[in-house]
C-alpha atoms as a PDB file:
ATOM      1  CA  MET A   1       0.000   0.000   0.000  1.00  0.00           C
ATOM      2  CA  LEU A   2       2.843   2.377   0.768  1.00  0.00           C
ATOM      3  CA  ASP A   3       4.309   2.047  -2.748  1.00  0.00           C
ATOM      4  CA  ASP A   4       0.865   2.652  -4.254  1.00  0.00           C
ATOM      5  CA  GLU A   5       0.380   5.700  -2.063  1.00  0.00           C
ATOM      6  CA  LEU A   6       3.761   7.138  -3.032  1.00  0.00           C
ATOM      7  CA  ARG A   7       3.051   6.528  -6.710  1.00  0.00           C
ATOM      8  CA  THR A   8      -0.362   8.141  -6.383  1.00  0.00           C
ATOM      9  CA  ARG A   9       1.081  11.166  -4.609  1.00  0.00           C
ATOM     10  CA  ALA A  10       3.755  11.503  -7.310  1.00  0.00           C
ATOM     11  CA  LEU A  11       1.089  11.187 -10.008  1.00  0.00           C
ATOM     12  CA  ALA A  12      -1.120  13.746  -8.290  1.00  0.00           C
ATOM     13  CA  HIS A  13       1.793  16.166  -8.055  1.00  0.00           C
ATOM     14  CA  HIS A  14       2.647  15.609 -11.728  1.00  0.00           C
ATOM     15  CA  LEU A  15      -0.944  16.073 -12.886  1.00  0.00           C
ATOM     16  CA  LEU A  16      -1.301  19.276 -10.913  1.00  0.00           C
ATOM     17  CA  SER A  17       1.964  20.576 -12.332  1.00  0.00           C
ATOM     18  CA  VAL A  18       0.871  20.019 -15.948  1.00  0.00           C
ATOM     19  CA  GLY A  19      -2.673  21.244 -15.378  1.00  0.00           C
ATOM     20  CA  ASN A  20      -4.546  18.001 -16.129  1.00  0.00           C
ATOM     21  CA  GLU A  21      -5.974  17.649 -12.644  1.00  0.00           C
ATOM     22  CA  THR A  22      -7.710  19.850 -10.149  1.00  0.00           C
ATOM     23  CA  PRO A  23      -6.652  20.179  -6.510  1.00  0.00           C
ATOM     24  CA  THR A  24     -10.118  19.002  -5.450  1.00  0.00           C
ATOM     25  CA  ARG A  25      -9.932  15.773  -7.478  1.00  0.00           C
ATOM     26  CA  THR A  26      -6.374  15.129  -6.367  1.00  0.00           C
ATOM     27  CA  GLY A  27      -7.492  15.575  -2.761  1.00  0.00           C
ATOM     28  CA  ARG A  28     -10.280  13.039  -3.290  1.00  0.00           C
ATOM     29  CA  ILE A  29      -7.811  10.509  -4.692  1.00  0.00           C
ATOM     30  CA  LEU A  30      -5.484  10.943  -1.729  1.00  0.00           C
ATOM     31  CA  ALA A  31      -8.410  10.815   0.743  1.00  0.00           C
ATOM     32  CA  ALA A  32      -9.610   7.568  -0.831  1.00  0.00           C
ATOM     33  CA  LEU A  33      -6.150   6.065  -0.418  1.00  0.00           C
ATOM     34  CA  ALA A  34      -5.973   7.205   3.196  1.00  0.00           C
ATOM     35  CA  ALA A  35      -9.363   5.563   3.822  1.00  0.00           C
ATOM     36  CA  GLY A  36      -8.062   2.299   2.365  1.00  0.00           C
ATOM     37  CA  ARG A  37     -10.099   2.451  -0.829  1.00  0.00           C
ATOM     38  CA  THR A  38      -8.315   1.500  -4.021  1.00  0.00           C
ATOM     39  CA  PRO A  39      -8.761   2.988  -7.479  1.00  0.00           C
ATOM     40  CA  SER A  40     -11.251   1.365  -9.852  1.00  0.00           C
ATOM     41  CA  PRO A  41     -10.051  -1.652 -11.835  1.00  0.00           C
ATOM     42  CA  ALA A  42      -9.781   0.526 -14.951  1.00  0.00           C
ATOM     43  CA  ARG A  43      -7.556   3.007 -13.124  1.00  0.00           C
ATOM     44  CA  GLN A  44      -5.391   0.175 -11.819  1.00  0.00           C
ATOM     45  CA  ARG A  45      -4.687  -0.885 -15.415  1.00  0.00           C
ATOM     46  CA  ILE A  46      -3.711   2.574 -16.682  1.00  0.00           C
ATOM     47  CA  THR A  47      -0.629   4.211 -15.233  1.00  0.00           C
ATOM     48  CA  VAL A  48       1.171   7.497 -15.757  1.00  0.00           C
ATOM     49  CA  ASP A  49       4.860   7.843 -15.050  1.00  0.00           C
ATOM     50  CA  PRO A  50       6.754  10.968 -16.132  1.00  0.00           C
ATOM     51  CA  GLU A  51       9.750   8.726 -16.894  1.00  0.00           C
ATOM     52  CA  ILE A  52       7.852   6.453 -19.331  1.00  0.00           C
ATOM     53  CA  PHE A  53       6.603   7.623 -22.747  1.00  0.00           C
ATOM     54  CA  GLY A  54       6.954  11.234 -21.657  1.00  0.00           C
ATOM     55  CA  GLY A  55       4.264  10.841 -18.994  1.00  0.00           C
ATOM     56  CA  LYS A  56       1.577   9.624 -21.393  1.00  0.00           C
ATOM     57  CA  PRO A  57      -0.959   7.137 -20.009  1.00  0.00           C
ATOM     58  CA  ILE A  58       0.076   3.536 -20.579  1.00  0.00           C
ATOM     59  CA  ILE A  59      -1.447   0.135 -19.940  1.00  0.00           C
ATOM     60  CA  ARG A  60       0.243  -1.732 -17.111  1.00  0.00           C
ATOM     61  CA  GLY A  61       2.327  -4.834 -17.847  1.00  0.00           C
ATOM     62  CA  PRO A  62       4.162  -4.839 -21.160  1.00  0.00           C
ATOM     63  CA  GLN A  63       3.985  -1.121 -21.785  1.00  0.00           C
ATOM     64  CA  MET A  64       1.631   0.089 -24.464  1.00  0.00           C
ATOM     65  CA  ALA A  65       0.423   3.657 -24.832  1.00  0.00           C
ATOM     66  CA  VAL A  66      -3.296   4.246 -24.379  1.00  0.00           C
ATOM     67  CA  GLU A  67      -3.200   6.488 -27.460  1.00  0.00           C
ATOM     68  CA  HIS A  68      -1.985   3.501 -29.522  1.00  0.00           C
ATOM     69  CA  VAL A  69      -5.025   1.439 -28.522  1.00  0.00           C
ATOM     70  CA  LEU A  70      -7.357   4.379 -29.138  1.00  0.00           C
ATOM     71  CA  GLY A  71      -5.769   4.851 -32.556  1.00  0.00           C
ATOM     72  CA  MET A  72      -6.465   1.225 -33.456  1.00  0.00           C
ATOM     73  CA  LEU A  73     -10.073   1.572 -32.323  1.00  0.00           C
ATOM     74  CA  ALA A  74     -10.440   4.829 -34.282  1.00  0.00           C
ATOM     75  CA  ALA A  75      -9.088   3.068 -37.370  1.00  0.00           C
ATOM     76  CA  GLY A  76     -11.901   0.533 -37.092  1.00  0.00           C
ATOM     77  CA  ASP A  77     -10.196  -2.364 -35.314  1.00  0.00           C
ATOM     78  CA  ASP A  78     -12.481  -4.218 -32.944  1.00  0.00           C
ATOM     79  CA  LEU A  79     -11.577  -5.727 -29.586  1.00  0.00           C
ATOM     80  CA  ASP A  80     -10.965  -9.200 -31.037  1.00  0.00           C
ATOM     81  CA  THR A  81      -8.597  -7.871 -33.696  1.00  0.00           C
ATOM     82  CA  ILE A  82      -6.564  -5.936 -31.138  1.00  0.00           C
ATOM     83  CA  LEU A  83      -6.440  -8.913 -28.780  1.00  0.00           C
ATOM     84  CA  GLN A  84      -5.300 -11.213 -31.604  1.00  0.00           C
ATOM     85  CA  GLY A  85      -2.488  -8.800 -32.433  1.00  0.00           C
ATOM     86  CA  TYR A  86      -1.527  -8.383 -28.769  1.00  0.00           C
ATOM     87  CA  PRO A  87      -2.364 -11.722 -27.119  1.00  0.00           C
ATOM     88  CA  TRP A  88      -0.902 -10.663 -23.750  1.00  0.00           C
ATOM     89  CA  ARG A  89      -3.537  -7.947 -23.500  1.00  0.00           C
ATOM     90  CA  GLU A  90      -6.905  -8.533 -21.873  1.00  0.00           C
ATOM     91  CA  ARG A  91     -10.320  -7.227 -22.887  1.00  0.00           C
ATOM     92  CA  ASP A  92     -10.380  -5.116 -19.719  1.00  0.00           C
ATOM     93  CA  ASP A  93      -7.131  -3.398 -20.808  1.00  0.00           C
ATOM     94  CA  ILE A  94      -8.887  -2.103 -23.929  1.00  0.00           C
ATOM     95  CA  LEU A  95     -11.973  -1.081 -21.955  1.00  0.00           C
ATOM     96  CA  ALA A  96      -9.737   0.734 -19.458  1.00  0.00           C
ATOM     97  CA  CYS A  97      -8.343   2.806 -22.355  1.00  0.00           C
ATOM     98  CA  LEU A  98     -11.862   3.831 -23.293  1.00  0.00           C
ATOM     99  CA  ALA A  99     -12.680   4.649 -19.675  1.00  0.00           C
ATOM    100  CA  SER A 100      -9.534   6.774 -19.507  1.00  0.00           C
ATOM    101  CA  LEU A 101     -10.594   8.687 -22.621  1.00  0.00           C
ATOM    102  CA  ARG A 102     -14.090   9.155 -21.220  1.00  0.00           C
ATOM    103  CA  ARG A 103     -12.683  10.706 -18.032  1.00  0.00           C
ATOM    104  CA  LEU A 104     -10.492  13.039 -20.093  1.00  0.00           C
ATOM    105  CA  VAL A 105     -13.290  14.145 -22.403  1.00  0.00           C
ATOM    106  CA  GLY A 106     -15.678  14.452 -19.472  1.00  0.00           C
ATOM    107  CA  HIS A 107     -13.547  17.321 -18.122  1.00  0.00           C
ATOM    108  CA  GLU A 108     -13.449  19.286 -21.383  1.00  0.00           C
ATOM    109  CA  ARG A 109     -15.370  22.491 -21.697  1.00  0.00           C
ATOM    110  CA  VAL A 110     -16.581  23.810 -25.017  1.00  0.00           C
ATOM    111  CA  GLU A 111     -17.138  27.530 -25.266  1.00  0.00           C
ATOM    112  CA  PRO A 112     -19.423  28.765 -28.040  1.00  0.00           C
ATOM    113  CA  ALA A 113     -17.800  31.033 -30.566  1.00  0.00           C
ATOM    114  CA  LEU A 114     -18.887  34.636 -30.283  1.00  0.00           C
ATOM    115  CA  SER A 115     -20.150  36.026 -33.537  1.00  0.00           C
ATOM    116  CA  ARG A 116     -19.207  39.545 -34.470  1.00  0.00           C
ATOM    117  CA  ALA A 117     -22.020  41.998 -35.064  1.00  0.00           C
ATOM    118  CA  SER A 118     -21.878  43.536 -38.534  1.00  0.00           C
END
């Protein structure tokens, strides 16, 4: 648990420093760890380490960038095709990539363009 807590604190610090995380959310993550709760299974599969792939999210185990999996899905590959090409991967690894993308997109804000009066 101590190693996980240190990794989570390092990740929280990194995310705050690059602006991808809010202090409130980071506090909730650290509070959950202190209470003994663990991250969701999807979050346990996706890791971020500033020393690996420039800090991009990767799937645990044999390292593979989340963006690589998302690229294959965007190109039309289905789960079975990806799993045949990467037999050491599990279905839940691919689903964790989608969950990671959903969390990222869920925090985006779209501002309407202001039209200029003529």
